[in-house]
C-alpha atoms as a PDB file:
ATOM      1  CA  MET A   1     210.049 234.221 -84.805  1.00  0.00           C
ATOM      2  CA  GLY A   2     211.591 236.903 -82.879  1.00  0.00           C
ATOM      3  CA  GLY A   3     212.557 236.696 -79.588  1.00  0.00           C
ATOM      4  CA  GLY A   4     214.304 239.467 -77.815  1.00  0.00           C
ATOM      5  CA  ILE A   5     213.612 243.233 -78.137  1.00  0.00           C
ATOM      6  CA  LEU A   6     209.239 243.758 -78.510  1.00  0.00           C
ATOM      7  CA  GLN A   7     208.897 244.702 -82.521  1.00  0.00           C
ATOM      8  CA  ILE A   8     205.485 246.699 -82.733  1.00  0.00           C
ATOM      9  CA  ALA A   9     204.317 247.240 -86.165  1.00  0.00           C
ATOM     10  CA  GLU A  10     201.226 249.532 -86.829  1.00  0.00           C
ATOM     11  CA  HIS A  11     198.131 248.896 -89.576  1.00  0.00           C
ATOM     12  CA  ASP A  12     195.715 251.130 -89.906  1.00  0.00           C
ATOM     13  CA  LEU A  13     193.146 249.299 -90.450  1.00  0.00           C
ATOM     14  CA  GLY A  14     190.280 252.174 -91.418  1.00  0.00           C
ATOM     15  CA  LYS A  15     187.487 254.223 -90.256  1.00  0.00           C
ATOM     16  CA  GLY A  16     189.078 254.519 -87.474  1.00  0.00           C
ATOM     17  CA  ARG A  17     190.555 251.094 -85.948  1.00  0.00           C
ATOM     18  CA  CYS A  18     194.108 250.151 -85.513  1.00  0.00           C
ATOM     19  CA  GLU A  19     195.875 246.597 -85.232  1.00  0.00           C
ATOM     20  CA  LEU A  20     199.142 246.427 -83.439  1.00  0.00           C
ATOM     21  CA  GLN A  21     201.209 242.889 -84.445  1.00  0.00           C
ATOM     22  CA  LEU A  22     204.085 242.662 -81.024  1.00  0.00           C
ATOM     23  CA  GLU A  23     206.987 239.966 -81.880  1.00  0.00           C
ATOM     24  CA  GLY A  24     209.572 239.095 -79.690  1.00  0.00           C
ATOM     25  CA  GLU A  25     209.288 239.514 -75.663  1.00  0.00           C
ATOM     26  CA  LEU A  26     206.410 242.043 -73.760  1.00  0.00           C
ATOM     27  CA  ASP A  27     207.935 241.743 -70.748  1.00  0.00           C
ATOM     28  CA  LEU A  28     209.055 244.034 -67.973  1.00  0.00           C
ATOM     29  CA  TRP A  29     211.424 245.993 -70.139  1.00  0.00           C
ATOM     30  CA  SER A  30     209.524 246.758 -72.994  1.00  0.00           C
ATOM     31  CA  VAL A  31     205.988 247.334 -72.214  1.00  0.00           C
ATOM     32  CA  GLU A  32     206.571 250.927 -70.670  1.00  0.00           C
ATOM     33  CA  ARG A  33     206.931 251.380 -75.140  1.00  0.00           C
ATOM     34  CA  LEU A  34     204.178 249.516 -76.107  1.00  0.00           C
ATOM     35  CA  GLN A  35     202.386 251.494 -73.070  1.00  0.00           C
ATOM     36  CA  ALA A  36     203.299 254.206 -75.046  1.00  0.00           C
ATOM     37  CA  VAL A  37     201.860 253.454 -78.401  1.00  0.00           C
ATOM     38  CA  LEU A  38     198.735 252.539 -77.630  1.00  0.00           C
ATOM     39  CA  GLN A  39     198.804 256.097 -75.398  1.00  0.00           C
ATOM     40  CA  ARG A  40     199.392 257.242 -78.005  1.00  0.00           C
ATOM     41  CA  VAL A  41     197.629 255.679 -81.470  1.00  0.00           C
ATOM     42  CA  ALA A  42     194.100 256.103 -79.001  1.00  0.00           C
ATOM     43  CA  ARG A  43     194.075 259.850 -79.409  1.00  0.00           C
ATOM     44  CA  THR A  44     193.186 259.029 -83.051  1.00  0.00           C
ATOM     45  CA  ASN A  45     191.712 255.538 -83.230  1.00  0.00           C
ATOM     46  CA  ASP A  46     188.574 254.186 -81.708  1.00  0.00           C
ATOM     47  CA  ALA A  47     189.057 250.823 -81.988  1.00  0.00           C
ATOM     48  CA  ILE A  48     192.741 249.023 -80.978  1.00  0.00           C
ATOM     49  CA  LEU A  49     193.182 246.134 -82.109  1.00  0.00           C
ATOM     50  CA  VAL A  50     196.755 244.098 -80.528  1.00  0.00           C
ATOM     51  CA  GLY A  51     198.462 240.843 -81.576  1.00  0.00           C
ATOM     52  CA  LEU A  52     200.938 238.476 -79.882  1.00  0.00           C
ATOM     53  CA  GLN A  53     200.614 235.618 -82.110  1.00  0.00           C
ATOM     54  CA  GLY A  54     204.157 237.246 -83.098  1.00  0.00           C
ATOM     55  CA  CYS A  55     204.815 237.159 -78.846  1.00  0.00           C
ATOM     56  CA  ASP A  56     207.863 233.907 -77.687  1.00  0.00           C
ATOM     57  CA  PHE A  57     207.085 235.245 -74.397  1.00  0.00           C
ATOM     58  CA  VAL A  58     205.029 237.903 -72.173  1.00  0.00           C
ATOM     59  CA  ASP A  59     205.331 237.892 -68.979  1.00  0.00           C
ATOM     60  CA  SER A  60     203.014 239.172 -65.453  1.00  0.00           C
ATOM     61  CA  THR A  61     203.409 242.528 -66.669  1.00  0.00           C
ATOM     62  CA  GLY A  62     202.028 242.577 -70.272  1.00  0.00           C
ATOM     63  CA  ILE A  63     199.747 240.476 -68.744  1.00  0.00           C
ATOM     64  CA  ALA A  64     198.580 243.106 -66.725  1.00  0.00           C
ATOM     65  CA  LEU A  65     198.029 245.428 -69.549  1.00  0.00           C
ATOM     66  CA  SER A  66     196.954 243.417 -71.452  1.00  0.00           C
ATOM     67  CA  SER A  67     194.062 243.148 -69.211  1.00  0.00           C
ATOM     68  CA  ARG A  68     193.663 246.992 -67.492  1.00  0.00           C
ATOM     69  CA  ARG A  69     193.089 247.969 -71.214  1.00  0.00           C
ATOM     70  CA  ALA A  70     191.126 245.924 -72.163  1.00  0.00           C
ATOM     71  CA  ALA A  71     189.112 246.202 -68.860  1.00  0.00           C
ATOM     72  CA  SER A  72     189.262 250.620 -68.973  1.00  0.00           C
ATOM     73  CA  SER A  73     189.124 251.251 -72.725  1.00  0.00           C
ATOM     74  CA  LYS A  74     188.685 250.545 -76.615  1.00  0.00           C
ATOM     75  CA  THR A  75     192.152 248.249 -77.061  1.00  0.00           C
ATOM     76  CA  GLU A  76     191.504 244.758 -77.386  1.00  0.00           C
ATOM     77  CA  ALA A  77     194.764 241.952 -78.138  1.00  0.00           C
ATOM     78  CA  ALA A  78     193.382 238.610 -79.815  1.00  0.00           C
ATOM     79  CA  ALA A  79     194.771 235.053 -80.431  1.00  0.00           C
ATOM     80  CA  SER A  80     197.127 233.598 -78.650  1.00  0.00           C
ATOM     81  CA  PRO A  81     200.471 233.533 -78.109  1.00  0.00           C
ATOM     82  CA  SER A  82     203.347 230.922 -80.491  1.00  0.00           C
ATOM     83  CA  THR A  83     203.564 227.808 -78.632  1.00  0.00           C
ATOM     84  CA  ALA A  84     207.294 229.225 -77.551  1.00  0.00           C
ATOM     85  CA  ALA A  85     205.370 231.536 -75.493  1.00  0.00           C
ATOM     86  CA  ARG A  86     202.782 229.439 -74.067  1.00  0.00           C
ATOM     87  CA  THR A  87     206.028 226.599 -73.397  1.00  0.00           C
ATOM     88  CA  ARG A  88     207.219 229.761 -71.900  1.00  0.00           C
ATOM     89  CA  CYS A  89     205.881 230.170 -69.820  1.00  0.00           C
ATOM     90  CA  CYS A  90     203.643 227.184 -68.310  1.00  0.00           C
ATOM     91  CA  GLY A  91     206.259 225.076 -68.392  1.00  0.00           C
ATOM     92  CA  SER A  92     204.544 222.384 -71.111  1.00  0.00           C
ATOM     93  CA  SER A  93     206.035 220.842 -73.295  1.00  0.00           C
ATOM     94  CA  PRO A  94     205.253 221.470 -77.360  1.00  0.00           C
ATOM     95  CA  SER A  95     202.325 219.135 -79.096  1.00  0.00           C
ATOM     96  CA  PRO A  96     204.525 216.708 -81.844  1.00  0.00           C
ATOM     97  CA  ALA A  97     202.721 218.335 -85.171  1.00  0.00           C
END
C-alpha cells in the first residue's frame, strides 16, 4: 500500500453517488487537497463515500475533516485504516497473523 503522498481515486457509483478511495497519508499537508476534491464532487453528487482502507496514516487534521464533513454534509467515511495506520496512530503492535 501507498505511504507518503495522498492519492485520491474517484469512482462514479451512479444515481448521484461518488466514492473516493484514499491511499497514502491523510495529514496536515494533504487535508486541503482532499477538502478541495470533496467540495468539487459535492457540487454534482448527493452522496459521497470516502474509503480509508488504503491510508497508512491519518492525523488529527484528517480525522477532524472527516468528522466535520460527516456531521454537516452528505459525506461518509467508510471502512477502517490499514493496520499500519492503526499502529502508527495508537502505538500498538499489529496482531500476528
